[in-house]
Amino acid sequence: MTVSNEPSASAGTSAPTVADPASLSFEQARDELVRVVAELEQGAPTLEQSLTLWERGEALAARCEEWLVGAKRRLDAARSNAEEGGR
């Protein structure tokens, strides 16, 4: 048996194609993360499916964090510009 570190959407499986988390909007990543968490809470039939879901959830959570960090930077920059303009 070989173990692969590649995503489970490999050739020859009937698994649906999943979008690369880097291509998702915040809302898309968040909504999919909610679905993944719900599926994990219900219990996947196999360990492999649980691991695949967990890995996907980690990637989605990281994408959400990227969006939130970026949004905070934009807000901080806007506040800084507003303060400088108000002086």
Protein backbone atom coordinates (compact mmCIF):
# COMPACT_ATOMS: atom_id res chain seq x y z
CA MET A 1 0.00 0.00 0.00
CA THR A 2 1.31 3.43 -0.89
CA VAL A 3 0.36 6.60 0.88
CA SER A 4 0.20 9.82 -1.07
CA ASN A 5 0.41 13.35 0.24
CA GLU A 6 -1.45 14.56 -2.81
CA PRO A 7 -5.06 15.79 -2.55
CA SER A 8 -7.58 12.99 -2.71
CA ALA A 9 -9.14 14.29 -5.92
CA SER A 10 -6.77 12.08 -7.87
CA ALA A 11 -7.33 10.56 -11.28
CA GLY A 12 -9.55 7.53 -11.35
CA THR A 13 -11.71 8.43 -8.36
CA SER A 14 -15.29 9.54 -8.40
CA ALA A 15 -14.57 12.32 -5.91
CA PRO A 16 -15.88 15.68 -7.06
CA THR A 17 -13.32 18.22 -8.16
CA VAL A 18 -12.74 20.73 -5.39
CA ALA A 19 -11.59 24.27 -5.93
CA ASP A 20 -8.14 25.29 -4.81
CA PRO A 21 -8.67 27.21 -1.55
CA ALA A 22 -6.44 30.02 -2.87
CA SER A 23 -9.06 30.71 -5.57
CA LEU A 24 -11.98 31.04 -3.13
CA SER A 25 -13.54 34.21 -1.79
CA PHE A 26 -13.82 34.55 1.97
CA GLU A 27 -17.49 33.65 1.87
CA GLN A 28 -16.92 30.59 -0.32
CA ALA A 29 -14.12 29.32 1.91
CA ARG A 30 -16.14 29.98 5.07
CA ASP A 31 -19.24 28.24 3.76
CA GLU A 32 -17.28 25.20 2.63
CA LEU A 33 -15.44 25.12 5.97
CA VAL A 34 -18.78 25.06 7.80
CA ARG A 35 -19.86 22.13 5.60
CA VAL A 36 -16.59 20.26 6.20
CA VAL A 37 -16.84 20.74 9.98
CA ALA A 38 -20.45 19.50 9.97
CA GLU A 39 -19.43 16.44 7.97
CA LEU A 40 -16.55 15.71 10.35
CA GLU A 41 -18.87 16.06 13.34
CA GLN A 42 -21.22 13.48 11.82
CA GLY A 43 -18.34 11.06 11.44
CA ALA A 44 -16.91 9.96 8.12
CA PRO A 45 -17.20 6.28 7.24
CA THR A 46 -13.44 5.76 6.94
CA LEU A 47 -10.29 7.13 8.51
CA GLU A 48 -9.01 8.16 5.07
CA GLN A 49 -12.17 10.21 4.44
CA SER A 50 -11.85 11.84 7.85
CA LEU A 51 -8.22 12.77 7.15
CA THR A 52 -9.11 14.15 3.74
CA LEU A 53 -11.87 16.28 5.25
CA TRP A 54 -9.58 17.48 8.04
CA GLU A 55 -6.87 18.48 5.55
CA ARG A 56 -9.43 20.34 3.44
CA GLY A 57 -10.75 22.09 6.53
CA GLU A 58 -7.24 23.19 7.51
CA ALA A 59 -6.66 24.62 4.03
CA LEU A 60 -10.00 26.42 4.09
CA ALA A 61 -9.36 27.84 7.57
CA ALA A 62 -5.98 29.12 6.40
CA ARG A 63 -7.65 30.80 3.41
CA CYS A 64 -10.22 32.46 5.66
CA GLU A 65 -7.42 33.72 7.89
CA GLU A 66 -5.60 35.14 4.85
CA TRP A 67 -8.72 37.08 3.91
CA LEU A 68 -9.22 38.35 7.45
CA VAL A 69 -5.58 39.44 7.83
CA GLY A 70 -5.82 41.22 4.47
CA ALA A 71 -9.04 42.93 5.49
CA LYS A 72 -7.47 44.10 8.75
CA ARG A 73 -4.50 45.53 6.84
CA ARG A 74 -6.84 47.42 4.53
CA LEU A 75 -8.82 48.81 7.46
CA ASP A 76 -5.64 49.82 9.29
CA ALA A 77 -4.36 51.57 6.16
CA ALA A 78 -7.66 53.37 5.66
CA ARG A 79 -7.71 54.52 9.29
CA SER A 80 -4.12 55.69 9.04
CA ASN A 81 -4.89 57.66 5.88
CA ALA A 82 -7.99 59.18 7.47
CA GLU A 83 -6.02 60.24 10.55
CA GLU A 84 -3.26 61.79 8.44
CA GLY A 85 -5.82 63.65 6.33
CA GLY A 86 -7.60 64.97 9.42
CA ARG A 87 -4.51 66.62 10.90
